[in-house]
PDB file of N, CA and C in Angstrom:
ATOM      1  N   MET A   1     -25.749  85.550 -36.572  1.00  0.00           N
ATOM      2  CA  MET A   1     -24.447  85.244 -37.150  1.00  0.00           C
ATOM      3  C   MET A   1     -23.447  84.874 -36.055  1.00  0.00           C
ATOM      4  N   MET A   2     -23.468  85.624 -34.982  1.00  0.00           N
ATOM      5  CA  MET A   2     -22.526  85.361 -33.898  1.00  0.00           C
ATOM      6  C   MET A   2     -22.783  83.988 -33.279  1.00  0.00           C
ATOM      7  N   GLY A   3     -24.045  83.587 -33.169  1.00  0.00           N
ATOM      8  CA  GLY A   3     -24.384  82.295 -32.582  1.00  0.00           C
ATOM      9  C   GLY A   3     -23.775  81.137 -33.348  1.00  0.00           C
ATOM     10  N   LEU A   4     -23.741  81.228 -34.660  1.00  0.00           N
ATOM     11  CA  LEU A   4     -23.145  80.165 -35.460  1.00  0.00           C
ATOM     12  C   LEU A   4     -21.670  80.012 -35.143  1.00  0.00           C
ATOM     13  N   PHE A   5     -20.988  81.126 -34.971  1.00  0.00           N
ATOM     14  CA  PHE A   5     -19.559  81.082 -34.687  1.00  0.00           C
ATOM     15  C   PHE A   5     -19.292  80.471 -33.318  1.00  0.00           C
ATOM     16  N   THR A   6     -20.012  80.917 -32.299  1.00  0.00           N
ATOM     17  CA  THR A   6     -19.736  80.446 -30.943  1.00  0.00           C
ATOM     18  C   THR A   6     -20.070  78.969 -30.771  1.00  0.00           C
ATOM     19  N   GLU A   7     -21.014  78.436 -31.550  1.00  0.00           N
ATOM     20  CA  GLU A   7     -21.340  77.023 -31.435  1.00  0.00           C
ATOM     21  C   GLU A   7     -20.198  76.141 -31.929  1.00  0.00           C
ATOM     22  N   ASN A   8     -19.359  76.664 -32.803  1.00  0.00           N
ATOM     23  CA  ASN A   8     -18.268  75.873 -33.360  1.00  0.00           C
ATOM     24  C   ASN A   8     -16.993  75.947 -32.527  1.00  0.00           C
ATOM     25  N   VAL A   9     -16.958  76.801 -31.537  1.00  0.00           N
ATOM     26  CA  VAL A   9     -15.769  76.937 -30.694  1.00  0.00           C
ATOM     27  C   VAL A   9     -15.822  75.866 -29.615  1.00  0.00           C
ATOM     28  N   SER A  10     -14.791  75.026 -29.569  1.00  0.00           N
ATOM     29  CA  SER A  10     -14.782  73.977 -28.562  1.00  0.00           C
ATOM     30  C   SER A  10     -14.139  74.499 -27.280  1.00  0.00           C
ATOM     31  N   PRO A  11     -14.747  74.196 -26.133  1.00  0.00           N
ATOM     32  CA  PRO A  11     -14.235  74.717 -24.861  1.00  0.00           C
ATOM     33  C   PRO A  11     -12.919  74.057 -24.448  1.00  0.00           C
ATOM     34  N   TYR A  12     -12.106  74.820 -23.686  1.00  0.00           N
ATOM     35  CA  TYR A  12     -10.891  74.288 -23.074  1.00  0.00           C
ATOM     36  C   TYR A  12     -11.270  73.599 -21.776  1.00  0.00           C
ATOM     37  N   VAL A  13     -10.738  72.391 -21.561  1.00  0.00           N
ATOM     38  CA  VAL A  13     -10.970  71.688 -20.304  1.00  0.00           C
ATOM     39  C   VAL A  13      -9.664  71.067 -19.834  1.00  0.00           C
ATOM     40  N   SER A  14      -9.533  70.912 -18.526  1.00  0.00           N
ATOM     41  CA  SER A  14      -8.371  70.207 -17.990  1.00  0.00           C
ATOM     42  C   SER A  14      -8.640  68.710 -18.082  1.00  0.00           C
ATOM     43  N   VAL A  15      -7.618  67.915 -17.819  1.00  0.00           N
ATOM     44  CA  VAL A  15      -7.781  66.458 -17.850  1.00  0.00           C
ATOM     45  C   VAL A  15      -8.829  66.027 -16.831  1.00  0.00           C
ATOM     46  N   SER A  16      -8.791  66.587 -15.635  1.00  0.00           N
ATOM     47  CA  SER A  16      -9.768  66.223 -14.595  1.00  0.00           C
ATOM     48  C   SER A  16     -11.184  66.590 -15.022  1.00  0.00           C
ATOM     49  N   GLU A  17     -11.360  67.769 -15.624  1.00  0.00           N
ATOM     50  CA  GLU A  17     -12.678  68.170 -16.100  1.00  0.00           C
ATOM     51  C   GLU A  17     -13.163  67.220 -17.187  1.00  0.00           C
ATOM     52  N   LEU A  18     -12.251  66.819 -18.066  1.00  0.00           N
ATOM     53  CA  LEU A  18     -12.598  65.895 -19.144  1.00  0.00           C
ATOM     54  C   LEU A  18     -13.139  64.590 -18.574  1.00  0.00           C
ATOM     55  N   ILE A  19     -12.465  64.069 -17.556  1.00  0.00           N
ATOM     56  CA  ILE A  19     -12.834  62.787 -16.971  1.00  0.00           C
ATOM     57  C   ILE A  19     -14.082  62.903 -16.095  1.00  0.00           C
ATOM     58  N   ASN A  20     -14.179  63.977 -15.321  1.00  0.00           N
ATOM     59  CA  ASN A  20     -15.242  64.096 -14.320  1.00  0.00           C
ATOM     60  C   ASN A  20     -16.543  64.693 -14.845  1.00  0.00           C
ATOM     61  N   GLU A  21     -16.478  65.453 -15.919  1.00  0.00           N
ATOM     62  CA  GLU A  21     -17.686  66.073 -16.445  1.00  0.00           C
ATOM     63  C   GLU A  21     -18.187  65.280 -17.639  1.00  0.00           C
ATOM     64  N   ASP A  22     -19.425  65.485 -17.985  1.00  0.00           N
ATOM     65  CA  ASP A  22     -20.018  64.736 -19.086  1.00  0.00           C
ATOM     66  C   ASP A  22     -19.696  65.413 -20.411  1.00  0.00           C
ATOM     67  N   VAL A  23     -18.507  65.125 -20.935  1.00  0.00           N
ATOM     68  CA  VAL A  23     -18.115  65.704 -22.224  1.00  0.00           C
ATOM     69  C   VAL A  23     -17.917  64.616 -23.278  1.00  0.00           C
ATOM     70  N   ASN A  24     -18.447  63.424 -23.007  1.00  0.00           N
ATOM     71  CA  ASN A  24     -18.330  62.337 -23.981  1.00  0.00           C
ATOM     72  C   ASN A  24     -18.913  62.745 -25.328  1.00  0.00           C
ATOM     73  N   ASN A  25     -18.157  62.439 -26.373  1.00  0.00           N
ATOM     74  CA  ASN A  25     -18.569  62.681 -27.750  1.00  0.00           C
ATOM     75  C   ASN A  25     -18.765  64.153 -28.102  1.00  0.00           C
ATOM     76  N   LYS A  26     -18.320  65.056 -27.250  1.00  0.00           N
ATOM     77  CA  LYS A  26     -18.382  66.481 -27.578  1.00  0.00           C
ATOM     78  C   LYS A  26     -16.996  66.928 -28.015  1.00  0.00           C
ATOM     79  N   ASN A  27     -16.956  67.896 -28.916  1.00  0.00           N
ATOM     80  CA  ASN A  27     -15.673  68.415 -29.382  1.00  0.00           C
ATOM     81  C   ASN A  27     -15.123  69.374 -28.327  1.00  0.00           C
ATOM     82  N   VAL A  28     -13.947  69.047 -27.769  1.00  0.00           N
ATOM     83  CA  VAL A  28     -13.329  69.880 -26.740  1.00  0.00           C
ATOM     84  C   VAL A  28     -11.835  69.991 -26.996  1.00  0.00           C
ATOM     85  N   GLN A  29     -11.220  70.920 -26.281  1.00  0.00           N
ATOM     86  CA  GLN A  29      -9.761  71.080 -26.299  1.00  0.00           C
ATOM     87  C   GLN A  29      -9.277  70.781 -24.893  1.00  0.00           C
ATOM     88  N   VAL A  30      -8.526  69.698 -24.750  1.00  0.00           N
ATOM     89  CA  VAL A  30      -8.018  69.325 -23.435  1.00  0.00           C
ATOM     90  C   VAL A  30      -6.533  69.649 -23.381  1.00  0.00           C
ATOM     91  N   PHE A  31      -6.100  70.230 -22.257  1.00  0.00           N
ATOM     92  CA  PHE A  31      -4.691  70.604 -22.130  1.00  0.00           C
ATOM     93  C   PHE A  31      -4.058  69.887 -20.953  1.00  0.00           C
ATOM     94  N   GLY A  32      -2.757  69.645 -21.079  1.00  0.00           N
ATOM     95  CA  GLY A  32      -2.035  69.002 -19.995  1.00  0.00           C
ATOM     96  C   GLY A  32      -0.590  68.755 -20.385  1.00  0.00           C
ATOM     97  N   GLN A  33       0.145  68.144 -19.470  1.00  0.00           N
ATOM     98  CA  GLN A  33       1.549  67.816 -19.715  1.00  0.00           C
ATOM     99  C   GLN A  33       1.637  66.376 -20.203  1.00  0.00           C
ATOM    100  N   VAL A  34       2.516  66.163 -21.168  1.00  0.00           N
ATOM    101  CA  VAL A  34       2.716  64.821 -21.706  1.00  0.00           C
ATOM    102  C   VAL A  34       3.525  63.994 -20.709  1.00  0.00           C
ATOM    103  N   ILE A  35       3.104  62.765 -20.480  1.00  0.00           N
ATOM    104  CA  ILE A  35       3.886  61.820 -19.693  1.00  0.00           C
ATOM    105  C   ILE A  35       4.817  61.148 -20.706  1.00  0.00           C
ATOM    106  N   ILE A  36       6.075  61.588 -20.702  1.00  0.00           N
ATOM    107  CA  ILE A  36       7.029  61.235 -21.760  1.00  0.00           C
ATOM    108  C   ILE A  36       7.159  59.720 -21.939  1.00  0.00           C
ATOM    109  N   ASP A  37       7.189  58.968 -20.838  1.00  0.00           N
ATOM    110  CA  ASP A  37       7.359  57.515 -20.918  1.00  0.00           C
ATOM    111  C   ASP A  37       6.179  56.815 -21.590  1.00  0.00           C
ATOM    112  N   SER A  38       5.073  57.530 -21.773  1.00  0.00           N
ATOM    113  CA  SER A  38       3.871  56.895 -22.323  1.00  0.00           C
ATOM    114  C   SER A  38       3.780  57.011 -23.842  1.00  0.00           C
ATOM    115  N   ILE A  39       4.680  57.760 -24.477  1.00  0.00           N
ATOM    116  CA  ILE A  39       4.592  58.007 -25.921  1.00  0.00           C
ATOM    117  C   ILE A  39       4.895  56.721 -26.693  1.00  0.00           C
ATOM    118  N   TYR A  40       3.963  56.350 -27.588  1.00  0.00           N
ATOM    119  CA  TYR A  40       4.157  55.160 -28.418  1.00  0.00           C
ATOM    120  C   TYR A  40       3.606  55.430 -29.812  1.00  0.00           C
ATOM    121  N   PHE A  41       4.421  55.164 -30.835  1.00  0.00           N
ATOM    122  CA  PHE A  41       3.980  55.324 -32.214  1.00  0.00           C
ATOM    123  C   PHE A  41       3.877  53.962 -32.867  1.00  0.00           C
ATOM    124  N   ASP A  42       2.686  53.617 -33.329  1.00  0.00           N
ATOM    125  CA  ASP A  42       2.454  52.347 -34.014  1.00  0.00           C
ATOM    126  C   ASP A  42       2.639  52.576 -35.511  1.00  0.00           C
ATOM    127  N   GLN A  43       3.734  52.043 -36.059  1.00  0.00           N
ATOM    128  CA  GLN A  43       4.049  52.280 -37.467  1.00  0.00           C
ATOM    129  C   GLN A  43       3.036  51.635 -38.408  1.00  0.00           C
ATOM    130  N   ASN A  44       2.428  50.555 -37.988  1.00  0.00           N
ATOM    131  CA  ASN A  44       1.450  49.875 -38.841  1.00  0.00           C
ATOM    132  C   ASN A  44       0.182  50.710 -39.021  1.00  0.00           C
ATOM    133  N   SER A  45      -0.319  51.267 -37.930  1.00  0.00           N
ATOM    134  CA  SER A  45      -1.565  52.030 -38.004  1.00  0.00           C
ATOM    135  C   SER A  45      -1.321  53.514 -38.243  1.00  0.00           C
ATOM    136  N   GLY A  46      -0.088  53.982 -37.956  1.00  0.00           N
ATOM    137  CA  GLY A  46       0.202  55.409 -38.078  1.00  0.00           C
ATOM    138  C   GLY A  46      -0.393  56.228 -36.948  1.00  0.00           C
ATOM    139  N   ILE A  47      -0.718  55.547 -35.844  1.00  0.00           N
ATOM    140  CA  ILE A  47      -1.339  56.240 -34.705  1.00  0.00           C
ATOM    141  C   ILE A  47      -0.332  56.370 -33.570  1.00  0.00           C
ATOM    142  N   ILE A  48      -0.245  57.585 -33.032  1.00  0.00           N
ATOM    143  CA  ILE A  48       0.599  57.817 -31.862  1.00  0.00           C
ATOM    144  C   ILE A  48      -0.318  57.887 -30.649  1.00  0.00           C
ATOM    145  N   THR A  49       0.096  57.236 -29.570  1.00  0.00           N
ATOM    146  CA  THR A  49      -0.658  57.299 -28.321  1.00  0.00           C
ATOM    147  C   THR A  49       0.266  57.834 -27.243  1.00  0.00           C
ATOM    148  N   PHE A  50      -0.300  58.597 -26.338  1.00  0.00           N
ATOM    149  CA  PHE A  50       0.452  59.130 -25.200  1.00  0.00           C
ATOM    150  C   PHE A  50      -0.546  59.552 -24.140  1.00  0.00           C
ATOM    151  N   ASP A  51      -0.059  59.689 -22.922  1.00  0.00           N
ATOM    152  CA  ASP A  51      -0.907  60.132 -21.823  1.00  0.00           C
ATOM    153  C   ASP A  51      -0.574  61.581 -21.507  1.00  0.00           C
ATOM    154  N   ILE A  52      -1.622  62.339 -21.140  1.00  0.00           N
ATOM    155  CA  ILE A  52      -1.393  63.689 -20.626  1.00  0.00           C
ATOM    156  C   ILE A  52      -2.000  63.771 -19.236  1.00  0.00           C
ATOM    157  N   THR A  53      -1.445  64.660 -18.423  1.00  0.00           N
ATOM    158  CA  THR A  53      -1.893  64.811 -17.044  1.00  0.00           C
ATOM    159  C   THR A  53      -2.037  66.288 -16.695  1.00  0.00           C
ATOM    160  N   ASP A  54      -2.908  66.550 -15.739  1.00  0.00           N
ATOM    161  CA  ASP A  54      -3.012  67.906 -15.184  1.00  0.00           C
ATOM    162  C   ASP A  54      -2.446  67.936 -13.769  1.00  0.00           C
ATOM    163  N   GLY A  55      -1.743  66.856 -13.406  1.00  0.00           N
ATOM    164  CA  GLY A  55      -1.169  66.776 -12.067  1.00  0.00           C
ATOM    165  C   GLY A  55      -2.048  65.988 -11.118  1.00  0.00           C
ATOM    166  N   ASN A  56      -3.330  65.832 -11.462  1.00  0.00           N
ATOM    167  CA  ASN A  56      -4.254  65.065 -10.627  1.00  0.00           C
ATOM    168  C   ASN A  56      -4.676  63.771 -11.310  1.00  0.00           C
ATOM    169  N   GLN A  57      -5.042  63.879 -12.572  1.00  0.00           N
ATOM    170  CA  GLN A  57      -5.497  62.715 -13.317  1.00  0.00           C
ATOM    171  C   GLN A  57      -4.818  62.704 -14.679  1.00  0.00           C
ATOM    172  N   SER A  58      -4.871  61.542 -15.342  1.00  0.00           N
ATOM    173  CA  SER A  58      -4.285  61.456 -16.676  1.00  0.00           C
ATOM    174  C   SER A  58      -5.257  60.752 -17.606  1.00  0.00           C
ATOM    175  N   VAL A  59      -5.058  60.977 -18.912  1.00  0.00           N
ATOM    176  CA  VAL A  59      -5.914  60.376 -19.921  1.00  0.00           C
ATOM    177  C   VAL A  59      -5.056  60.006 -21.124  1.00  0.00           C
ATOM    178  N   GLN A  60      -5.417  58.901 -21.780  1.00  0.00           N
ATOM    179  CA  GLN A  60      -4.708  58.503 -22.997  1.00  0.00           C
ATOM    180  C   GLN A  60      -5.247  59.308 -24.168  1.00  0.00           C
ATOM    181  N   VAL A  61      -4.314  59.755 -25.016  1.00  0.00           N
ATOM    182  CA  VAL A  61      -4.658  60.481 -26.234  1.00  0.00           C
ATOM    183  C   VAL A  61      -4.199  59.653 -27.427  1.00  0.00           C
ATOM    184  N   ASN A  62      -5.063  59.504 -28.411  1.00  0.00           N
ATOM    185  CA  ASN A  62      -4.714  58.852 -29.680  1.00  0.00           C
ATOM    186  C   ASN A  62      -4.769  59.893 -30.779  1.00  0.00           C
ATOM    187  N   HIS A  63      -3.777  59.853 -31.679  1.00  0.00           N
ATOM    188  CA  HIS A  63      -3.735  60.800 -32.794  1.00  0.00           C
ATOM    189  C   HIS A  63      -3.117  60.111 -34.009  1.00  0.00           C
ATOM    190  N   ARG A  64      -3.740  60.282 -35.159  1.00  0.00           N
ATOM    191  CA  ARG A  64      -3.191  59.689 -36.382  1.00  0.00           C
ATOM    192  C   ARG A  64      -2.135  60.633 -36.941  1.00  0.00           C
ATOM    193  N   GLY A  65      -0.905  60.116 -37.089  1.00  0.00           N
ATOM    194  CA  GLY A  65       0.178  60.920 -37.638  1.00  0.00           C
ATOM    195  C   GLY A  65       1.201  61.296 -36.589  1.00  0.00           C
ATOM    196  N   MET A  66       2.348  61.740 -37.071  1.00  0.00           N
ATOM    197  CA  MET A  66       3.430  62.138 -36.166  1.00  0.00           C
ATOM    198  C   MET A  66       3.144  63.509 -35.561  1.00  0.00           C
ATOM    199  N   ILE A  67       3.747  63.765 -34.411  1.00  0.00           N
ATOM    200  CA  ILE A  67       3.636  65.063 -33.750  1.00  0.00           C
ATOM    201  C   ILE A  67       5.053  65.535 -33.471  1.00  0.00           C
ATOM    202  N   ASN A  68       5.451  66.621 -34.097  1.00  0.00           N
ATOM    203  CA  ASN A  68       6.805  67.148 -33.914  1.00  0.00           C
ATOM    204  C   ASN A  68       7.010  67.658 -32.497  1.00  0.00           C
ATOM    205  N   ASN A  69       8.191  67.376 -31.938  1.00  0.00           N
ATOM    206  CA  ASN A  69       8.625  67.881 -30.636  1.00  0.00           C
ATOM    207  C   ASN A  69       7.771  67.423 -29.455  1.00  0.00           C
ATOM    208  N   LEU A  70       7.006  66.354 -29.625  1.00  0.00           N
ATOM    209  CA  LEU A  70       6.159  65.904 -28.516  1.00  0.00           C
ATOM    210  C   LEU A  70       6.989  65.561 -27.287  1.00  0.00           C
ATOM    211  N   GLN A  71       8.130  64.904 -27.483  1.00  0.00           N
ATOM    212  CA  GLN A  71       8.953  64.492 -26.349  1.00  0.00           C
ATOM    213  C   GLN A  71       9.617  65.675 -25.649  1.00  0.00           C
ATOM    214  N   ASN A  72       9.639  66.850 -26.298  1.00  0.00           N
ATOM    215  CA  ASN A  72      10.237  68.037 -25.681  1.00  0.00           C
ATOM    216  C   ASN A  72       9.194  69.021 -25.165  1.00  0.00           C
ATOM    217  N   SER A  73       7.926  68.639 -25.226  1.00  0.00           N
ATOM    218  CA  SER A  73       6.858  69.588 -24.923  1.00  0.00           C
ATOM    219  C   SER A  73       6.763  69.895 -23.434  1.00  0.00           C
ATOM    220  N   THR A  74       6.311  71.108 -23.140  1.00  0.00           N
ATOM    221  CA  THR A  74       5.996  71.477 -21.770  1.00  0.00           C
ATOM    222  C   THR A  74       4.499  71.343 -21.536  1.00  0.00           C
ATOM    223  N   GLU A  75       3.724  71.498 -22.599  1.00  0.00           N
ATOM    224  CA  GLU A  75       2.281  71.360 -22.507  1.00  0.00           C
ATOM    225  C   GLU A  75       1.735  71.087 -23.899  1.00  0.00           C
ATOM    226  N   VAL A  76       0.626  70.365 -23.968  1.00  0.00           N
ATOM    227  CA  VAL A  76      -0.043  70.158 -25.251  1.00  0.00           C
ATOM    228  C   VAL A  76      -1.513  70.511 -25.097  1.00  0.00           C
ATOM    229  N   VAL A  77      -2.106  70.860 -26.233  1.00  0.00           N
ATOM    230  CA  VAL A  77      -3.548  71.020 -26.314  1.00  0.00           C
ATOM    231  C   VAL A  77      -4.006  70.029 -27.376  1.00  0.00           C
ATOM    232  N   ALA A  78      -4.855  69.093 -26.977  1.00  0.00           N
ATOM    233  CA  ALA A  78      -5.399  68.107 -27.908  1.00  0.00           C
ATOM    234  C   ALA A  78      -6.833  68.501 -28.217  1.00  0.00           C
ATOM    235  N   ILE A  79      -7.148  68.564 -29.508  1.00  0.00           N
ATOM    236  CA  ILE A  79      -8.477  68.974 -29.946  1.00  0.00           C
ATOM    237  C   ILE A  79      -9.160  67.760 -30.550  1.00  0.00           C
ATOM    238  N   GLY A  80     -10.310  67.412 -30.020  1.00  0.00           N
ATOM    239  CA  GLY A  80     -11.029  66.243 -30.506  1.00  0.00           C
ATOM    240  C   GLY A  80     -12.155  65.892 -29.577  1.00  0.00           C
ATOM    241  N   SER A  81     -12.381  64.584 -29.385  1.00  0.00           N
ATOM    242  CA  SER A  81     -13.484  64.162 -28.526  1.00  0.00           C
ATOM    243  C   SER A  81     -13.073  62.976 -27.661  1.00  0.00           C
ATOM    244  N   TYR A  82     -13.781  62.831 -26.546  1.00  0.00           N
ATOM    245  CA  TYR A  82     -13.499  61.824 -25.534  1.00  0.00           C
ATOM    246  C   TYR A  82     -14.508  60.689 -25.668  1.00  0.00           C
ATOM    247  N   ARG A  83     -14.012  59.487 -25.948  1.00  0.00           N
ATOM    248  CA  ARG A  83     -14.889  58.323 -26.106  1.00  0.00           C
ATOM    249  C   ARG A  83     -14.248  57.115 -25.434  1.00  0.00           C
ATOM    250  N   ASN A  84     -15.027  56.384 -24.657  1.00  0.00           N
ATOM    251  CA  ASN A  84     -14.566  55.132 -24.045  1.00  0.00           C
ATOM    252  C   ASN A  84     -13.253  55.308 -23.278  1.00  0.00           C
ATOM    253  N   ASN A  85     -13.148  56.374 -22.514  1.00  0.00           N
ATOM    254  CA  ASN A  85     -11.986  56.673 -21.669  1.00  0.00           C
ATOM    255  C   ASN A  85     -10.712  56.967 -22.447  1.00  0.00           C
ATOM    256  N   VAL A  86     -10.835  57.275 -23.740  1.00  0.00           N
ATOM    257  CA  VAL A  86      -9.685  57.646 -24.569  1.00  0.00           C
ATOM    258  C   VAL A  86     -10.034  58.937 -25.303  1.00  0.00           C
ATOM    259  N   PHE A  87      -9.070  59.855 -25.377  1.00  0.00           N
ATOM    260  CA  PHE A  87      -9.285  61.097 -26.105  1.00  0.00           C
ATOM    261  C   PHE A  87      -8.787  60.919 -27.533  1.00  0.00           C
ATOM    262  N   GLU A  88      -9.685  61.017 -28.495  1.00  0.00           N
ATOM    263  CA  GLU A  88      -9.352  60.886 -29.910  1.00  0.00           C
ATOM    264  C   GLU A  88      -9.077  62.285 -30.446  1.00  0.00           C
ATOM    265  N   ALA A  89      -7.802  62.592 -30.663  1.00  0.00           N
ATOM    266  CA  ALA A  89      -7.408  63.950 -31.065  1.00  0.00           C
ATOM    267  C   ALA A  89      -7.338  64.081 -32.577  1.00  0.00           C
ATOM    268  N   ASP A  90      -8.062  65.058 -33.102  1.00  0.00           N
ATOM    269  CA  ASP A  90      -7.971  65.386 -34.520  1.00  0.00           C
ATOM    270  C   ASP A  90      -6.738  66.254 -34.769  1.00  0.00           C
ATOM    271  N   LYS A  91      -6.371  67.019 -33.742  1.00  0.00           N
ATOM    272  CA  LYS A  91      -5.251  67.945 -33.863  1.00  0.00           C
ATOM    273  C   LYS A  91      -4.564  68.046 -32.509  1.00  0.00           C
ATOM    274  N   VAL A  92      -3.233  68.167 -32.514  1.00  0.00           N
ATOM    275  CA  VAL A  92      -2.478  68.325 -31.273  1.00  0.00           C
ATOM    276  C   VAL A  92      -1.536  69.512 -31.430  1.00  0.00           C
ATOM    277  N   LEU A  93      -1.650  70.479 -30.535  1.00  0.00           N
ATOM    278  CA  LEU A  93      -0.772  71.651 -30.527  1.00  0.00           C
ATOM    279  C   LEU A  93       0.254  71.455 -29.429  1.00  0.00           C
ATOM    280  N   VAL A  94       1.526  71.644 -29.754  1.00  0.00           N
ATOM    281  CA  VAL A  94       2.608  71.388 -28.811  1.00  0.00           C
ATOM    282  C   VAL A  94       3.258  72.701 -28.393  1.00  0.00           C
ATOM    283  N   LYS A  95       3.361  72.906 -27.093  1.00  0.00           N
ATOM    284  CA  LYS A  95       4.072  74.071 -26.566  1.00  0.00           C
ATOM    285  C   LYS A  95       5.419  73.582 -26.059  1.00  0.00           C
ATOM    286  N   CYS A  96       6.481  74.123 -26.640  1.00  0.00           N
ATOM    287  CA  CYS A  96       7.831  73.711 -26.252  1.00  0.00           C
ATOM    288  C   CYS A  96       8.538  74.844 -25.538  1.00  0.00           C
ATOM    289  N   PRO A  97       9.540  74.517 -24.735  1.00  0.00           N
ATOM    290  CA  PRO A  97      10.318  75.570 -24.100  1.00  0.00           C
ATOM    291  C   PRO A  97      11.002  76.411 -25.167  1.00  0.00           C
ATOM    292  N   SER A  98      11.075  77.689 -24.925  1.00  0.00           N
ATOM    293  CA  SER A  98      11.686  78.589 -25.907  1.00  0.00           C
ATOM    294  C   SER A  98      13.168  78.318 -26.035  1.00  0.00           C
ATOM    295  N   LYS A  99      13.650  78.340 -27.266  1.00  0.00           N
ATOM    296  CA  LYS A  99      15.086  78.185 -27.503  1.00  0.00           C
ATOM    297  C   LYS A  99      15.834  79.426 -27.056  1.00  0.00           C
ATOM    298  N   TYR A 100      15.078  80.475 -26.793  1.00  0.00           N
ATOM    299  CA  TYR A 100      15.713  81.760 -26.456  1.00  0.00           C
ATOM    300  C   TYR A 100      15.589  82.115 -24.985  1.00  0.00           C
ATOM    301  N   GLU A 101      15.209  81.142 -24.139  1.00  0.00           N
ATOM    302  CA  GLU A 101      15.147  81.416 -22.715  1.00  0.00           C
ATOM    303  C   GLU A 101      16.550  81.750 -22.204  1.00  0.00           C
ATOM    304  N   ALA A 102      16.597  82.610 -21.214  1.00  0.00           N
ATOM    305  CA  ALA A 102      17.891  83.018 -20.668  1.00  0.00           C
ATOM    306  C   ALA A 102      18.633  81.804 -20.122  1.00  0.00           C
ATOM    307  N   LEU A 103      19.887  81.702 -20.453  1.00  0.00           N
ATOM    308  CA  LEU A 103      20.720  80.619 -19.935  1.00  0.00           C
ATOM    309  C   LEU A 103      21.161  80.971 -18.523  1.00  0.00           C
ATOM    310  N   VAL A 104      21.096  80.008 -17.645  1.00  0.00           N
ATOM    311  CA  VAL A 104      21.509  80.246 -16.268  1.00  0.00           C
ATOM    312  C   VAL A 104      23.017  80.030 -16.180  1.00  0.00           C
ATOM    313  N   SER A 105      23.712  81.054 -15.748  1.00  0.00           N
ATOM    314  CA  SER A 105      25.157  80.964 -15.632  1.00  0.00           C
ATOM    315  C   SER A 105      25.538  80.370 -14.287  1.00  0.00           C
ATOM    316  N   GLU A 106      26.566  79.534 -14.286  1.00  0.00           N
ATOM    317  CA  GLU A 106      27.018  78.961 -13.024  1.00  0.00           C
ATOM    318  C   GLU A 106      28.196  79.739 -12.461  1.00  0.00           C
ATOM    319  N   GLU A 107      28.507  80.855 -13.107  1.00  0.00           N
ATOM    320  CA  GLU A 107      29.580  81.699 -12.559  1.00  0.00           C
ATOM    321  C   GLU A 107      29.002  82.484 -11.399  1.00  0.00           C
ATOM    322  N   GLY A 108      29.870  82.946 -10.502  1.00  0.00           N
ATOM    323  CA  GLY A 108      29.272  83.809  -9.519  1.00  0.00           C
ATOM    324  C   GLY A 108      30.014  83.907  -8.292  1.00  0.00           C
TER     325      GLY A 108
END
C-alpha cells in the first residue's frame, strides 16, 4: 500500500537539476524565483508563460490559466513535466511575501 502512494509523489528539483538531470517527461515539482519581466499571458490561448530561476539557470514555464499574485511572488513551485526545454505546469503554487511582515521604521 505504501509503495503505491510513494510512486505518485513527484520529487522537488531546482531549475538546474531539472535542466541537468534526465527528468524529461517525468512528473516533478520545480521551484525557483519568477523573472518578473518574462511574464506573458496569451489571451487567445489562455496560456501564461514565464521564466523561473534558481540563481544559476532559468527555464520557461507554460501554464494554462491565470495565476494570482505571480508578479508579487518570492518563489513558485511548478508541478508538471519538462519537455523540449519547456516546463509544462499542470499546477503552480505561489509563495508571496507576508502582508504581516514587520514594517521597518525609519525613525531612530
